[in-house]
Amino acid sequence: MKEVTLRCGGTRAVISASGASIRSLHCEGRPLLRSFPEGEHPPEATNTVLAPWPNRVAGATFSYGAIAYSLEVTEPERGHALHGFTQGRLFSLTATEQVAELSTRLGPEPGWPWPLELRVRYEAQPQGLRAVFGLRNLGTEPAPCALGAHPYLDPQGWPLDECTLFF
């Protein structure tokens, strides 16, 4: 599975093509996110981008306009569709020493007729990792969509009142 390591100052990030995920993130040698093993897909959507919907679609059904849609149930114990289509999906990935750019096409899928392009850009900076997400509708009709991130933060013993998370 393709991945790249980004570096800038004391920031080191390993970006995986699987789910456009952050496999590991370290600042000044300390881990900031829960990591997962090299070559594996992120478990439980760890540090992935969620699209074209984050969270759960209750009962795996939704209405848009006057039409009802049924998605694949991906959380069987609750009967919901969970976190969109990015989990386990391999994104195209290009990178320099500090920047990784990933993209994939989402849809059409069963219950999701809209073609979308998802782009993700990660940039290692001295103070951390900057992430920029974008969705583009490739179709001719309006499409419902949303984005989310699923970071598993891990302060590794840092006092929480000294930690800052910027969005």
Foldseek 3Di string as FASTA:
>chain_A
DDWDWADDAQWIWIFFQQLRFTQWITGVRHTFFHHDDPPDFDPPQARHKFPQDAAWDQLQWDDDDNDIFHDDQPPVVRNIDHRADRGRDGWDWDDDNFKIKTKDWHDPDRRAHWIKIKIWMWGQYNVTIDIDIDIDTPDDDDHRGDMDTRTHTDPPPDPPVPDDDDD
